[in-house]
Every structure is written in C-alpha cells, then in structure tokens.
Amino acid sequence: MTVKANPYQRIHVIKRRSQTRDVLRKAAVAAALSIAIATTAAASEPKEAPDAIALAELDGFALGLQEAAQFSGVVLVARDGRVVFEKAYGKLDEKADAPVTTRTRFNLASVGKMFTSTAILQQAAAGRLSLERWSATHAKK
C-alpha cells in the first residue's frame, strides 16, 4: 500500500523550516547583543551604573536593527541584580501588527546551547575552567 504525500504538506514543512531559520537568526542576534553587553559590563571594572549615553547608544543600535528587520525582541541590562534598561523592539510576528512587549515569551528551541557554550568559553578564558579536562573533574561531588 502506498500513500501519496499531500503536496500542501511539503509547503507547510518548508514554511516551518523558514520560520525556524527566522527564529534562529533573531535569537542569534539577541545572543550577540547579550554577549556584547555582558562582555562590556565585565570589562568595565567600576561598579557604577551604565551611563545614559551608553544606554542611548544601545537603544539606537537595537532600533537600527529593528528598522532593518534584523531584530525583534527584548533587551535587558541589569547591574548588581537591578534592571537599569529594559525595552521591547519590533513585532511579534512579521505578518501581524502585534508589537513585542517586555512580557513576551519567545520559543527559543535549542538556542540555549549557544548561551551555554559562550558561558563555558568565558569561564575558560577567565581561567576558571579547563577545556582539556573531563567535565566530571569540574563537578562537585
């Protein structure tokens, strides 16, 4: 018995792949923004709050990405557990007019792997972790 594939099913799968690529692209931009913010925050030794000019530059950068349809999401900057900047950019869906809010939940799928690998490499760069040793030697028993 052979089953004929529905021709619309293939279009639906391709559409889903395209949507997945869009989500991954947007998540990669969000990851790059958060890494840039974390790196900048870690590089500056003083425990001062970010100045208004730096936050305005960050806002302008995110607005530029939004206008170029390269970013739709939320940017949050925190210092010592206190939120100093939080703003939503773009639309929830390219076809809908609903805007992204700071309360929007995003389906990030396996994008967390990028954050995990970045955190591991940052720890290795700081000398707190070795990439040559087995992970079990780092775990507390």
C-alpha atoms as a PDB file:
ATOM      1  CA  MET A   1       0.000   0.000   0.000  1.00  0.00           C
ATOM      2  CA  THR A   2       1.475   3.343  -0.998  1.00  0.00           C
ATOM      3  CA  VAL A   3       0.411   6.617   0.468  1.00  0.00           C
ATOM      4  CA  LYS A   4       0.591   9.699  -1.691  1.00  0.00           C
ATOM      5  CA  ALA A   5       2.050  12.719   0.017  1.00  0.00           C
ATOM      6  CA  ASN A   6      -0.111  15.761   0.223  1.00  0.00           C
ATOM      7  CA  PRO A   7       1.558  18.481  -1.910  1.00  0.00           C
ATOM      8  CA  TYR A   8       0.483  21.117   0.630  1.00  0.00           C
ATOM      9  CA  GLN A   9       2.251  19.194   3.380  1.00  0.00           C
ATOM     10  CA  ARG A  10       5.641  19.891   1.747  1.00  0.00           C
ATOM     11  CA  ILE A  11       4.849  23.599   1.515  1.00  0.00           C
ATOM     12  CA  HIS A  12       3.899  23.570   5.201  1.00  0.00           C
ATOM     13  CA  VAL A  13       7.190  21.860   6.158  1.00  0.00           C
ATOM     14  CA  ILE A  14       9.203  24.354   4.086  1.00  0.00           C
ATOM     15  CA  LYS A  15       7.297  27.226   5.721  1.00  0.00           C
ATOM     16  CA  ARG A  16       8.097  25.789   9.163  1.00  0.00           C
ATOM     17  CA  ARG A  17      11.791  25.479   8.259  1.00  0.00           C
ATOM     18  CA  SER A  18      11.775  29.081   7.084  1.00  0.00           C
ATOM     19  CA  GLN A  19      10.138  30.182  10.327  1.00  0.00           C
ATOM     20  CA  THR A  20      12.676  28.172  12.315  1.00  0.00           C
ATOM     21  CA  ARG A  21      15.523  29.848  10.435  1.00  0.00           C
ATOM     22  CA  ASP A  22      13.981  33.249  11.168  1.00  0.00           C
ATOM     23  CA  VAL A  23      13.657  32.416  14.858  1.00  0.00           C
ATOM     24  CA  LEU A  24      17.240  31.138  14.995  1.00  0.00           C
ATOM     25  CA  ARG A  25      18.524  34.223  13.150  1.00  0.00           C
ATOM     26  CA  LYS A  26      16.703  36.522  15.568  1.00  0.00           C
ATOM     27  CA  ALA A  27      17.897  34.501  18.530  1.00  0.00           C
ATOM     28  CA  ALA A  28      21.470  34.704  17.252  1.00  0.00           C
ATOM     29  CA  VAL A  29      21.185  38.495  17.064  1.00  0.00           C
ATOM     30  CA  ALA A  30      19.752  38.530  20.594  1.00  0.00           C
ATOM     31  CA  ALA A  31      22.599  36.301  21.761  1.00  0.00           C
ATOM     32  CA  ALA A  32      25.138  38.598  20.133  1.00  0.00           C
ATOM     33  CA  LEU A  33      23.544  41.606  21.838  1.00  0.00           C
ATOM     34  CA  SER A  34      23.582  39.917  25.228  1.00  0.00           C
ATOM     35  CA  ILE A  35      27.178  38.735  24.800  1.00  0.00           C
ATOM     36  CA  ALA A  36      28.263  42.221  23.770  1.00  0.00           C
ATOM     37  CA  ILE A  37      26.509  43.701  26.786  1.00  0.00           C
ATOM     38  CA  ALA A  38      27.957  41.076  29.147  1.00  0.00           C
ATOM     39  CA  THR A  39      31.452  41.498  27.742  1.00  0.00           C
ATOM     40  CA  THR A  40      31.252  45.277  28.009  1.00  0.00           C
ATOM     41  CA  ALA A  41      29.931  45.040  31.554  1.00  0.00           C
ATOM     42  CA  ALA A  42      32.640  42.552  32.567  1.00  0.00           C
ATOM     43  CA  ALA A  43      35.389  44.657  31.003  1.00  0.00           C
ATOM     44  CA  SER A  44      34.466  47.776  32.943  1.00  0.00           C
ATOM     45  CA  GLU A  45      35.837  47.404  36.470  1.00  0.00           C
ATOM     46  CA  PRO A  46      33.916  50.176  38.246  1.00  0.00           C
ATOM     47  CA  LYS A  47      30.595  49.100  39.755  1.00  0.00           C
ATOM     48  CA  GLU A  48      28.887  52.238  38.522  1.00  0.00           C
ATOM     49  CA  ALA A  49      25.539  52.087  36.786  1.00  0.00           C
ATOM     50  CA  PRO A  50      25.737  52.341  32.991  1.00  0.00           C
ATOM     51  CA  ASP A  51      25.603  55.952  31.927  1.00  0.00           C
ATOM     52  CA  ALA A  52      22.734  57.389  29.936  1.00  0.00           C
ATOM     53  CA  ILE A  53      24.884  57.811  26.812  1.00  0.00           C
ATOM     54  CA  ALA A  54      25.855  54.112  26.702  1.00  0.00           C
ATOM     55  CA  LEU A  55      22.225  53.075  27.165  1.00  0.00           C
ATOM     56  CA  ALA A  56      21.125  55.511  24.452  1.00  0.00           C
ATOM     57  CA  GLU A  57      23.742  54.025  22.103  1.00  0.00           C
ATOM     58  CA  LEU A  58      22.471  50.528  22.877  1.00  0.00           C
ATOM     59  CA  ASP A  59      18.897  51.691  22.268  1.00  0.00           C
ATOM     60  CA  GLY A  60      19.917  53.281  18.954  1.00  0.00           C
ATOM     61  CA  PHE A  61      21.726  50.111  17.876  1.00  0.00           C
ATOM     62  CA  ALA A  62      18.683  47.944  18.648  1.00  0.00           C
ATOM     63  CA  LEU A  63      16.360  50.448  16.927  1.00  0.00           C
ATOM     64  CA  GLY A  64      18.571  50.322  13.822  1.00  0.00           C
ATOM     65  CA  LEU A  65      18.343  46.527  13.763  1.00  0.00           C
ATOM     66  CA  GLN A  66      14.580  46.749  14.244  1.00  0.00           C
ATOM     67  CA  GLU A  67      14.212  49.195  11.337  1.00  0.00           C
ATOM     68  CA  ALA A  68      16.303  46.890   9.119  1.00  0.00           C
ATOM     69  CA  ALA A  69      14.006  43.986  10.114  1.00  0.00           C
ATOM     70  CA  GLN A  70      17.006  42.201  11.642  1.00  0.00           C
ATOM     71  CA  PHE A  71      15.870  42.152  15.267  1.00  0.00           C
ATOM     72  CA  SER A  72      12.625  41.699  17.085  1.00  0.00           C
ATOM     73  CA  GLY A  73      12.912  41.071  20.792  1.00  0.00           C
ATOM     74  CA  VAL A  74      13.664  42.476  24.216  1.00  0.00           C
ATOM     75  CA  VAL A  75      16.912  43.984  25.505  1.00  0.00           C
ATOM     76  CA  LEU A  76      17.516  43.971  29.248  1.00  0.00           C
ATOM     77  CA  VAL A  77      20.565  45.359  31.043  1.00  0.00           C
ATOM     78  CA  ALA A  78      20.982  44.671  34.742  1.00  0.00           C
ATOM     79  CA  ARG A  79      23.663  45.727  37.202  1.00  0.00           C
ATOM     80  CA  ASP A  80      24.026  44.065  40.607  1.00  0.00           C
ATOM     81  CA  GLY A  81      20.600  42.433  40.271  1.00  0.00           C
ATOM     82  CA  ARG A  82      18.857  45.706  39.421  1.00  0.00           C
ATOM     83  CA  VAL A  83      17.346  46.340  35.981  1.00  0.00           C
ATOM     84  CA  VAL A  84      18.767  49.570  34.528  1.00  0.00           C
ATOM     85  CA  PHE A  85      17.402  49.245  30.983  1.00  0.00           C
ATOM     86  CA  GLU A  86      14.600  47.171  29.504  1.00  0.00           C
ATOM     87  CA  LYS A  87      12.906  47.776  26.179  1.00  0.00           C
ATOM     88  CA  ALA A  88      10.999  45.754  23.567  1.00  0.00           C
ATOM     89  CA  TYR A  89      11.595  46.133  19.832  1.00  0.00           C
ATOM     90  CA  GLY A  90       9.723  45.017  16.725  1.00  0.00           C
ATOM     91  CA  LYS A  91       6.638  42.988  16.010  1.00  0.00           C
ATOM     92  CA  LEU A  92       5.597  39.691  17.493  1.00  0.00           C
ATOM     93  CA  ASP A  93       5.040  38.277  14.010  1.00  0.00           C
ATOM     94  CA  GLU A  94       6.064  39.675  10.637  1.00  0.00           C
ATOM     95  CA  LYS A  95       2.508  39.324   9.338  1.00  0.00           C
ATOM     96  CA  ALA A  96       0.728  40.633  12.431  1.00  0.00           C
ATOM     97  CA  ASP A  97       0.783  44.134  13.837  1.00  0.00           C
ATOM     98  CA  ALA A  98       1.090  42.983  17.444  1.00  0.00           C
ATOM     99  CA  PRO A  99       4.208  44.513  18.987  1.00  0.00           C
ATOM    100  CA  VAL A 100       6.706  42.658  21.146  1.00  0.00           C
ATOM    101  CA  THR A 101       6.396  43.616  24.812  1.00  0.00           C
ATOM    102  CA  THR A 102       8.743  43.112  27.727  1.00  0.00           C
ATOM    103  CA  ARG A 103       6.403  40.304  28.859  1.00  0.00           C
ATOM    104  CA  THR A 104       6.506  38.415  25.530  1.00  0.00           C
ATOM    105  CA  ARG A 105       7.585  34.777  25.775  1.00  0.00           C
ATOM    106  CA  PHE A 106       9.780  33.543  22.937  1.00  0.00           C
ATOM    107  CA  ASN A 107      10.190  29.975  21.706  1.00  0.00           C
ATOM    108  CA  LEU A 108      13.972  29.702  21.720  1.00  0.00           C
ATOM    109  CA  ALA A 109      14.159  25.961  20.963  1.00  0.00           C
ATOM    110  CA  SER A 110      17.801  24.881  21.252  1.00  0.00           C
ATOM    111  CA  VAL A 111      19.305  28.360  21.199  1.00  0.00           C
ATOM    112  CA  GLY A 112      20.261  27.820  24.828  1.00  0.00           C
ATOM    113  CA  LYS A 113      23.186  25.766  23.523  1.00  0.00           C
ATOM    114  CA  MET A 114      24.787  28.974  22.216  1.00  0.00           C
ATOM    115  CA  PHE A 115      24.443  30.645  25.612  1.00  0.00           C
ATOM    116  CA  THR A 116      25.874  27.576  27.360  1.00  0.00           C
ATOM    117  CA  SER A 117      28.862  27.354  25.028  1.00  0.00           C
ATOM    118  CA  THR A 118      29.508  31.091  25.403  1.00  0.00           C
ATOM    119  CA  ALA A 119      29.390  30.815  29.197  1.00  0.00           C
ATOM    120  CA  ILE A 120      31.793  27.844  29.143  1.00  0.00           C
ATOM    121  CA  LEU A 121      34.249  29.655  26.865  1.00  0.00           C
ATOM    122  CA  GLN A 122      34.077  32.786  29.042  1.00  0.00           C
ATOM    123  CA  GLN A 123      34.884  30.681  32.117  1.00  0.00           C
ATOM    124  CA  ALA A 124      37.785  29.058  30.242  1.00  0.00           C
ATOM    125  CA  ALA A 125      39.095  32.477  29.178  1.00  0.00           C
ATOM    126  CA  ALA A 126      38.951  33.650  32.793  1.00  0.00           C
ATOM    127  CA  GLY A 127      40.984  30.596  33.851  1.00  0.00           C
ATOM    128  CA  ARG A 128      38.195  29.101  35.995  1.00  0.00           C
ATOM    129  CA  LEU A 129      37.636  26.135  33.696  1.00  0.00           C
ATOM    130  CA  SER A 130      39.846  23.952  31.535  1.00  0.00           C
ATOM    131  CA  LEU A 131      38.661  22.726  28.161  1.00  0.00           C
ATOM    132  CA  GLU A 132      41.230  19.906  28.236  1.00  0.00           C
ATOM    133  CA  ARG A 133      39.913  18.200  31.388  1.00  0.00           C
ATOM    134  CA  TRP A 134      36.884  15.927  31.674  1.00  0.00           C
ATOM    135  CA  SER A 135      33.742  17.687  32.832  1.00  0.00           C
ATOM    136  CA  ALA A 136      33.411  15.302  35.778  1.00  0.00           C
ATOM    137  CA  THR A 137      36.539  16.829  37.335  1.00  0.00           C
ATOM    138  CA  HIS A 138      34.773  20.192  37.470  1.00  0.00           C
ATOM    139  CA  ALA A 139      31.592  18.890  39.098  1.00  0.00           C
ATOM    140  CA  LYS A 140      31.396  18.996  42.878  1.00  0.00           C
ATOM    141  CA  LYS A 141      30.932  15.578  44.451  1.00  0.00           C
END
